[in-house]
Amino acid sequence: MIQVNMLEAKSDLSRLVRLLESKQEEAIYLARNGKAVVQMTLIPKGPAGRCIGVAEGKFKVPDEFDEWDKEVEDMFGGGL
């Protein structure tokens, strides 16, 4: 963990981000008047970019799911 002042962070933002990406630093604190006010960290990586099926097995779709509700159909002019 390192602490840098705002001016240094503005000047060396790319270098600071590289330190995080290369795992040389786990967190970088940005300070104002010598007091840390912001913590920079890497955004955690989610699942391998795969979102399809994340709710698989969590709920059951009712058998009548595709049957149109007559009242709703009428609201849309009856031609759905």
PDB file of N, CA and C in Angstrom:
ATOM      1  N   MET A   1       0.854  -1.170   0.000  1.00  0.00           N
ATOM      2  CA  MET A   1       0.000   0.000   0.000  1.00  0.00           C
ATOM      3  C   MET A   1       0.896   1.228   0.000  1.00  0.00           C
ATOM      4  N   ILE A   2       0.603   2.146  -0.904  1.00  0.00           N
ATOM      5  CA  ILE A   2       1.317   3.418  -0.926  1.00  0.00           C
ATOM      6  C   ILE A   2       0.312   4.553  -0.859  1.00  0.00           C
ATOM      7  N   GLN A   3       0.805   5.693  -0.440  1.00  0.00           N
ATOM      8  CA  GLN A   3      -0.034   6.888  -0.385  1.00  0.00           C
ATOM      9  C   GLN A   3       0.647   7.968  -1.211  1.00  0.00           C
ATOM     10  N   VAL A   4      -0.129   8.614  -2.100  1.00  0.00           N
ATOM     11  CA  VAL A   4       0.401   9.692  -2.937  1.00  0.00           C
ATOM     12  C   VAL A   4      -0.536  10.895  -2.825  1.00  0.00           C
ATOM     13  N   ASN A   5       0.023  12.080  -3.030  1.00  0.00           N
ATOM     14  CA  ASN A   5      -0.834  13.264  -2.982  1.00  0.00           C
ATOM     15  C   ASN A   5      -1.543  13.435  -4.325  1.00  0.00           C
ATOM     16  N   MET A   6      -2.524  14.282  -4.363  1.00  0.00           N
ATOM     17  CA  MET A   6      -3.349  14.460  -5.564  1.00  0.00           C
ATOM     18  C   MET A   6      -2.517  14.895  -6.771  1.00  0.00           C
ATOM     19  N   LEU A   7      -1.591  15.814  -6.584  1.00  0.00           N
ATOM     20  CA  LEU A   7      -0.785  16.298  -7.696  1.00  0.00           C
ATOM     21  C   LEU A   7       0.036  15.163  -8.300  1.00  0.00           C
ATOM     22  N   GLU A   8       0.645  14.345  -7.450  1.00  0.00           N
ATOM     23  CA  GLU A   8       1.414  13.202  -7.942  1.00  0.00           C
ATOM     24  C   GLU A   8       0.504  12.217  -8.671  1.00  0.00           C
ATOM     25  N   ALA A   9      -0.691  11.993  -8.139  1.00  0.00           N
ATOM     26  CA  ALA A   9      -1.631  11.069  -8.776  1.00  0.00           C
ATOM     27  C   ALA A   9      -2.022  11.563 -10.162  1.00  0.00           C
ATOM     28  N   LYS A  10      -2.241  12.878 -10.290  1.00  0.00           N
ATOM     29  CA  LYS A  10      -2.577  13.442 -11.604  1.00  0.00           C
ATOM     30  C   LYS A  10      -1.435  13.230 -12.583  1.00  0.00           C
ATOM     31  N   SER A  11      -0.225  13.456 -12.122  1.00  0.00           N
ATOM     32  CA  SER A  11       0.952  13.360 -13.003  1.00  0.00           C
ATOM     33  C   SER A  11       1.298  11.923 -13.354  1.00  0.00           C
ATOM     34  N   ASP A  12       1.084  11.005 -12.420  1.00  0.00           N
ATOM     35  CA  ASP A  12       1.557   9.623 -12.590  1.00  0.00           C
ATOM     36  C   ASP A  12       0.435   8.593 -12.579  1.00  0.00           C
ATOM     37  N   LEU A  13      -0.746   8.964 -13.037  1.00  0.00           N
ATOM     38  CA  LEU A  13      -1.879   8.043 -12.981  1.00  0.00           C
ATOM     39  C   LEU A  13      -1.587   6.734 -13.706  1.00  0.00           C
ATOM     40  N   SER A  14      -1.002   6.805 -14.884  1.00  0.00           N
ATOM     41  CA  SER A  14      -0.708   5.580 -15.641  1.00  0.00           C
ATOM     42  C   SER A  14       0.224   4.662 -14.865  1.00  0.00           C
ATOM     43  N   ARG A  15       1.243   5.238 -14.254  1.00  0.00           N
ATOM     44  CA  ARG A  15       2.202   4.437 -13.472  1.00  0.00           C
ATOM     45  C   ARG A  15       1.499   3.800 -12.272  1.00  0.00           C
ATOM     46  N   LEU A  16       0.630   4.542 -11.618  1.00  0.00           N
ATOM     47  CA  LEU A  16      -0.080   4.011 -10.462  1.00  0.00           C
ATOM     48  C   LEU A  16      -0.992   2.853 -10.852  1.00  0.00           C
ATOM     49  N   VAL A  17      -1.672   2.998 -11.975  1.00  0.00           N
ATOM     50  CA  VAL A  17      -2.540   1.920 -12.453  1.00  0.00           C
ATOM     51  C   VAL A  17      -1.705   0.688 -12.803  1.00  0.00           C
ATOM     52  N   ARG A  18      -0.544   0.881 -13.425  1.00  0.00           N
ATOM     53  CA  ARG A  18       0.334  -0.251 -13.740  1.00  0.00           C
ATOM     54  C   ARG A  18       0.777  -0.983 -12.468  1.00  0.00           C
ATOM     55  N   LEU A  19       1.045  -0.230 -11.402  1.00  0.00           N
ATOM     56  CA  LEU A  19       1.427  -0.858 -10.135  1.00  0.00           C
ATOM     57  C   LEU A  19       0.315  -1.773  -9.623  1.00  0.00           C
ATOM     58  N   LEU A  20      -0.925  -1.336  -9.770  1.00  0.00           N
ATOM     59  CA  LEU A  20      -2.050  -2.174  -9.359  1.00  0.00           C
ATOM     60  C   LEU A  20      -2.198  -3.387 -10.273  1.00  0.00           C
ATOM     61  N   GLU A  21      -2.129  -3.150 -11.578  1.00  0.00           N
ATOM     62  CA  GLU A  21      -2.308  -4.247 -12.544  1.00  0.00           C
ATOM     63  C   GLU A  21      -1.230  -5.312 -12.409  1.00  0.00           C
ATOM     64  N   SER A  22      -0.010  -4.891 -12.095  1.00  0.00           N
ATOM     65  CA  SER A  22       1.098  -5.835 -11.977  1.00  0.00           C
ATOM     66  C   SER A  22       1.154  -6.479 -10.591  1.00  0.00           C
ATOM     67  N   LYS A  23       0.206  -6.122  -9.742  1.00  0.00           N
ATOM     68  CA  LYS A  23       0.107  -6.659  -8.382  1.00  0.00           C
ATOM     69  C   LYS A  23       1.285  -6.237  -7.501  1.00  0.00           C
ATOM     70  N   GLN A  24       2.024  -5.192  -7.904  1.00  0.00           N
ATOM     71  CA  GLN A  24       3.083  -4.666  -7.044  1.00  0.00           C
ATOM     72  C   GLN A  24       2.480  -3.934  -5.851  1.00  0.00           C
ATOM     73  N   GLU A  25       1.283  -3.414  -6.045  1.00  0.00           N
ATOM     74  CA  GLU A  25       0.540  -2.765  -4.962  1.00  0.00           C
ATOM     75  C   GLU A  25      -0.876  -3.319  -4.952  1.00  0.00           C
ATOM     76  N   GLU A  26      -1.414  -3.530  -3.765  1.00  0.00           N
ATOM     77  CA  GLU A  26      -2.788  -4.008  -3.643  1.00  0.00           C
ATOM     78  C   GLU A  26      -3.771  -2.845  -3.626  1.00  0.00           C
ATOM     79  N   ALA A  27      -3.320  -1.715  -3.073  1.00  0.00           N
ATOM     80  CA  ALA A  27      -4.161  -0.526  -2.992  1.00  0.00           C
ATOM     81  C   ALA A  27      -3.264   0.701  -2.998  1.00  0.00           C
ATOM     82  N   ILE A  28      -3.794   1.788  -3.549  1.00  0.00           N
ATOM     83  CA  ILE A  28      -3.087   3.067  -3.547  1.00  0.00           C
ATOM     84  C   ILE A  28      -4.033   4.087  -2.944  1.00  0.00           C
ATOM     85  N   TYR A  29      -3.539   4.813  -1.952  1.00  0.00           N
ATOM     86  CA  TYR A  29      -4.344   5.827  -1.291  1.00  0.00           C
ATOM     87  C   TYR A  29      -3.970   7.194  -1.821  1.00  0.00           C
ATOM     88  N   LEU A  30      -4.974   7.973  -2.212  1.00  0.00           N
ATOM     89  CA  LEU A  30      -4.768   9.342  -2.656  1.00  0.00           C
ATOM     90  C   LEU A  30      -5.054  10.263  -1.483  1.00  0.00           C
ATOM     91  N   ALA A  31      -4.121  11.186  -1.256  1.00  0.00           N
ATOM     92  CA  ALA A  31      -4.219  12.037  -0.077  1.00  0.00           C
ATOM     93  C   ALA A  31      -4.416  13.499  -0.455  1.00  0.00           C
ATOM     94  N   ARG A  32      -5.120  14.192   0.413  1.00  0.00           N
ATOM     95  CA  ARG A  32      -5.267  15.638   0.311  1.00  0.00           C
ATOM     96  C   ARG A  32      -4.767  16.203   1.637  1.00  0.00           C
ATOM     97  N   ASN A  33      -3.802  17.109   1.537  1.00  0.00           N
ATOM     98  CA  ASN A  33      -3.195  17.692   2.746  1.00  0.00           C
ATOM     99  C   ASN A  33      -2.648  16.622   3.685  1.00  0.00           C
ATOM    100  N   GLY A  34      -2.072  15.572   3.098  1.00  0.00           N
ATOM    101  CA  GLY A  34      -1.456  14.517   3.891  1.00  0.00           C
ATOM    102  C   GLY A  34      -2.418  13.503   4.486  1.00  0.00           C
ATOM    103  N   LYS A  35      -3.704  13.654   4.220  1.00  0.00           N
ATOM    104  CA  LYS A  35      -4.692  12.727   4.779  1.00  0.00           C
ATOM    105  C   LYS A  35      -5.335  11.924   3.640  1.00  0.00           C
ATOM    106  N   ALA A  36      -5.295  10.596   3.737  1.00  0.00           N
ATOM    107  CA  ALA A  36      -5.867   9.723   2.713  1.00  0.00           C
ATOM    108  C   ALA A  36      -7.373   9.949   2.611  1.00  0.00           C
ATOM    109  N   VAL A  37      -7.852  10.169   1.377  1.00  0.00           N
ATOM    110  CA  VAL A  37      -9.282  10.394   1.156  1.00  0.00           C
ATOM    111  C   VAL A  37      -9.885   9.441   0.126  1.00  0.00           C
ATOM    112  N   VAL A  38      -9.042   8.813  -0.699  1.00  0.00           N
ATOM    113  CA  VAL A  38      -9.526   7.919  -1.751  1.00  0.00           C
ATOM    114  C   VAL A  38      -8.641   6.682  -1.793  1.00  0.00           C
ATOM    115  N   GLN A  39      -9.266   5.533  -2.018  1.00  0.00           N
ATOM    116  CA  GLN A  39      -8.528   4.289  -2.175  1.00  0.00           C
ATOM    117  C   GLN A  39      -8.704   3.787  -3.603  1.00  0.00           C
ATOM    118  N   MET A  40      -7.613   3.560  -4.299  1.00  0.00           N
ATOM    119  CA  MET A  40      -7.658   2.981  -5.651  1.00  0.00           C
ATOM    120  C   MET A  40      -7.326   1.495  -5.549  1.00  0.00           C
ATOM    121  N   THR A  41      -8.187   0.675  -6.141  1.00  0.00           N
ATOM    122  CA  THR A  41      -7.929  -0.760  -6.228  1.00  0.00           C
ATOM    123  C   THR A  41      -8.378  -1.238  -7.598  1.00  0.00           C
ATOM    124  N   LEU A  42      -7.983  -2.440  -7.954  1.00  0.00           N
ATOM    125  CA  LEU A  42      -8.451  -3.024  -9.206  1.00  0.00           C
ATOM    126  C   LEU A  42      -9.910  -3.446  -9.045  1.00  0.00           C
ATOM    127  N   ILE A  43     -10.652  -3.402 -10.123  1.00  0.00           N
ATOM    128  CA  ILE A  43     -12.015  -3.912 -10.131  1.00  0.00           C
ATOM    129  C   ILE A  43     -11.917  -5.434 -10.169  1.00  0.00           C
ATOM    130  N   PRO A  44     -12.588  -6.134  -9.243  1.00  0.00           N
ATOM    131  CA  PRO A  44     -12.505  -7.594  -9.247  1.00  0.00           C
ATOM    132  C   PRO A  44     -13.075  -8.170 -10.536  1.00  0.00           C
ATOM    133  N   LYS A  45     -12.405  -9.177 -11.032  1.00  0.00           N
ATOM    134  CA  LYS A  45     -12.894  -9.844 -12.240  1.00  0.00           C
ATOM    135  C   LYS A  45     -14.056 -10.744 -11.869  1.00  0.00           C
ATOM    136  N   GLY A  46     -15.122 -10.673 -12.689  1.00  0.00           N
ATOM    137  CA  GLY A  46     -16.296 -11.511 -12.472  1.00  0.00           C
ATOM    138  C   GLY A  46     -16.074 -12.881 -13.077  1.00  0.00           C
ATOM    139  N   PRO A  47     -17.147 -13.650 -13.182  1.00  0.00           N
ATOM    140  CA  PRO A  47     -17.025 -14.959 -13.831  1.00  0.00           C
ATOM    141  C   PRO A  47     -16.530 -14.773 -15.260  1.00  0.00           C
ATOM    142  N   ALA A  48     -15.985 -15.780 -15.815  1.00  0.00           N
ATOM    143  CA  ALA A  48     -15.309 -15.736 -17.111  1.00  0.00           C
ATOM    144  C   ALA A  48     -16.167 -15.181 -18.239  1.00  0.00           C
ATOM    145  N   GLY A  49     -16.787 -14.014 -18.017  1.00  0.00           N
ATOM    146  CA  GLY A  49     -17.556 -13.370 -19.065  1.00  0.00           C
ATOM    147  C   GLY A  49     -18.820 -14.108 -19.451  1.00  0.00           C
ATOM    148  N   ARG A  50     -19.233 -15.028 -18.639  1.00  0.00           N
ATOM    149  CA  ARG A  50     -20.390 -15.840 -18.982  1.00  0.00           C
ATOM    150  C   ARG A  50     -21.542 -15.521 -18.045  1.00  0.00           C
ATOM    151  N   CYS A  51     -22.599 -14.940 -18.568  1.00  0.00           N
ATOM    152  CA  CYS A  51     -23.748 -14.578 -17.746  1.00  0.00           C
ATOM    153  C   CYS A  51     -24.947 -15.457 -18.022  1.00  0.00           C
ATOM    154  N   ILE A  52     -24.973 -16.119 -19.151  1.00  0.00           N
ATOM    155  CA  ILE A  52     -26.121 -16.950 -19.505  1.00  0.00           C
ATOM    156  C   ILE A  52     -26.178 -18.141 -18.556  1.00  0.00           C
ATOM    157  N   GLY A  53     -27.329 -18.352 -17.973  1.00  0.00           N
ATOM    158  CA  GLY A  53     -27.525 -19.501 -17.115  1.00  0.00           C
ATOM    159  C   GLY A  53     -27.176 -19.267 -15.657  1.00  0.00           C
ATOM    160  N   VAL A  54     -26.928 -18.025 -15.273  1.00  0.00           N
ATOM    161  CA  VAL A  54     -26.544 -17.786 -13.884  1.00  0.00           C
ATOM    162  C   VAL A  54     -27.660 -18.114 -12.903  1.00  0.00           C
ATOM    163  N   ALA A  55     -28.906 -18.093 -13.350  1.00  0.00           N
ATOM    164  CA  ALA A  55     -30.032 -18.403 -12.463  1.00  0.00           C
ATOM    165  C   ALA A  55     -30.552 -19.821 -12.673  1.00  0.00           C
ATOM    166  N   GLU A  56     -29.817 -20.623 -13.431  1.00  0.00           N
ATOM    167  CA  GLU A  56     -30.262 -21.974 -13.725  1.00  0.00           C
ATOM    168  C   GLU A  56     -30.528 -22.746 -12.438  1.00  0.00           C
ATOM    169  N   GLY A  57     -31.718 -23.326 -12.348  1.00  0.00           N
ATOM    170  CA  GLY A  57     -32.099 -24.110 -11.189  1.00  0.00           C
ATOM    171  C   GLY A  57     -32.608 -23.284 -10.017  1.00  0.00           C
ATOM    172  N   LYS A  58     -32.651 -21.977 -10.122  1.00  0.00           N
ATOM    173  CA  LYS A  58     -33.082 -21.119  -9.020  1.00  0.00           C
ATOM    174  C   LYS A  58     -34.599 -20.977  -8.954  1.00  0.00           C
ATOM    175  N   PHE A  59     -35.279 -21.127 -10.077  1.00  0.00           N
ATOM    176  CA  PHE A  59     -36.725 -21.033 -10.083  1.00  0.00           C
ATOM    177  C   PHE A  59     -37.272 -21.870 -11.228  1.00  0.00           C
ATOM    178  N   LYS A  60     -38.573 -22.152 -11.165  1.00  0.00           N
ATOM    179  CA  LYS A  60     -39.219 -22.956 -12.201  1.00  0.00           C
ATOM    180  C   LYS A  60     -40.213 -22.076 -12.943  1.00  0.00           C
ATOM    181  N   VAL A  61     -40.135 -22.081 -14.248  1.00  0.00           N
ATOM    182  CA  VAL A  61     -41.076 -21.334 -15.073  1.00  0.00           C
ATOM    183  C   VAL A  61     -42.361 -22.153 -15.154  1.00  0.00           C
ATOM    184  N   PRO A  62     -43.505 -21.535 -14.818  1.00  0.00           N
ATOM    185  CA  PRO A  62     -44.769 -22.280 -14.861  1.00  0.00           C
ATOM    186  C   PRO A  62     -45.083 -22.767 -16.277  1.00  0.00           C
ATOM    187  N   ASP A  63     -45.768 -23.899 -16.366  1.00  0.00           N
ATOM    188  CA  ASP A  63     -46.121 -24.471 -17.666  1.00  0.00           C
ATOM    189  C   ASP A  63     -46.986 -23.520 -18.487  1.00  0.00           C
ATOM    190  N   GLU A  64     -47.843 -22.735 -17.814  1.00  0.00           N
ATOM    191  CA  GLU A  64     -48.757 -21.846 -18.530  1.00  0.00           C
ATOM    192  C   GLU A  64     -48.119 -20.473 -18.818  1.00  0.00           C
ATOM    193  N   PHE A  65     -46.820 -20.374 -18.717  1.00  0.00           N
ATOM    194  CA  PHE A  65     -46.124 -19.101 -18.894  1.00  0.00           C
ATOM    195  C   PHE A  65     -46.422 -18.471 -20.256  1.00  0.00           C
ATOM    196  N   ASP A  66     -46.477 -19.271 -21.303  1.00  0.00           N
ATOM    197  CA  ASP A  66     -46.679 -18.751 -22.649  1.00  0.00           C
ATOM    198  C   ASP A  66     -48.141 -18.487 -22.997  1.00  0.00           C
ATOM    199  N   GLU A  67     -49.053 -18.868 -22.139  1.00  0.00           N
ATOM    200  CA  GLU A  67     -50.465 -18.613 -22.410  1.00  0.00           C
ATOM    201  C   GLU A  67     -50.764 -17.144 -22.143  1.00  0.00           C
ATOM    202  N   TRP A  68     -51.408 -16.496 -23.121  1.00  0.00           N
ATOM    203  CA  TRP A  68     -51.697 -15.066 -22.986  1.00  0.00           C
ATOM    204  C   TRP A  68     -52.840 -14.820 -22.028  1.00  0.00           C
ATOM    205  N   ASP A  69     -52.647 -13.840 -21.174  1.00  0.00           N
ATOM    206  CA  ASP A  69     -53.703 -13.405 -20.278  1.00  0.00           C
ATOM    207  C   ASP A  69     -54.671 -12.566 -21.105  1.00  0.00           C
ATOM    208  N   LYS A  70     -55.924 -12.971 -21.163  1.00  0.00           N
ATOM    209  CA  LYS A  70     -56.931 -12.310 -22.001  1.00  0.00           C
ATOM    210  C   LYS A  70     -57.034 -10.818 -21.681  1.00  0.00           C
ATOM    211  N   GLU A  71     -56.971 -10.453 -20.425  1.00  0.00           N
ATOM    212  CA  GLU A  71     -57.102  -9.044 -20.036  1.00  0.00           C
ATOM    213  C   GLU A  71     -55.937  -8.221 -20.612  1.00  0.00           C
ATOM    214  N   VAL A  72     -54.739  -8.743 -20.514  1.00  0.00           N
ATOM    215  CA  VAL A  72     -53.571  -8.034 -21.053  1.00  0.00           C
ATOM    216  C   VAL A  72     -53.652  -7.949 -22.569  1.00  0.00           C
ATOM    217  N   GLU A  73     -54.056  -9.027 -23.192  1.00  0.00           N
ATOM    218  CA  GLU A  73     -54.193  -9.051 -24.650  1.00  0.00           C
ATOM    219  C   GLU A  73     -55.201  -7.979 -25.103  1.00  0.00           C
ATOM    220  N   ASP A  74     -56.302  -7.849 -24.395  1.00  0.00           N
ATOM    221  CA  ASP A  74     -57.322  -6.840 -24.733  1.00  0.00           C
ATOM    222  C   ASP A  74     -56.762  -5.432 -24.594  1.00  0.00           C
ATOM    223  N   MET A  75     -55.888  -5.205 -23.617  1.00  0.00           N
ATOM    224  CA  MET A  75     -55.292  -3.878 -23.445  1.00  0.00           C
ATOM    225  C   MET A  75     -54.464  -3.471 -24.662  1.00  0.00           C
ATOM    226  N   PHE A  76     -53.942  -4.433 -25.360  1.00  0.00           N
ATOM    227  CA  PHE A  76     -53.110  -4.148 -26.522  1.00  0.00           C
ATOM    228  C   PHE A  76     -53.877  -4.339 -27.820  1.00  0.00           C
ATOM    229  N   GLY A  77     -55.174  -4.292 -27.762  1.00  0.00           N
ATOM    230  CA  GLY A  77     -55.980  -4.365 -28.966  1.00  0.00           C
ATOM    231  C   GLY A  77     -56.377  -5.759 -29.359  1.00  0.00           C
ATOM    232  N   GLY A  78     -56.075  -6.733 -28.560  1.00  0.00           N
ATOM    233  CA  GLY A  78     -56.515  -8.104 -28.792  1.00  0.00           C
ATOM    234  C   GLY A  78     -55.786  -8.842 -29.891  1.00  0.00           C
ATOM    235  N   GLY A  79     -54.710  -8.296 -30.419  1.00  0.00           N
ATOM    236  CA  GLY A  79     -54.046  -8.969 -31.526  1.00  0.00           C
ATOM    237  C   GLY A  79     -52.644  -9.439 -31.239  1.00  0.00           C
ATOM    238  N   LEU A  80     -52.365  -9.830 -30.040  1.00  0.00           N
ATOM    239  CA  LEU A  80     -51.012 -10.303 -29.750  1.00  0.00           C
ATOM    240  C   LEU A  80     -50.953 -11.732 -30.120  1.00  0.00           C
TER     241      LEU A  80
END
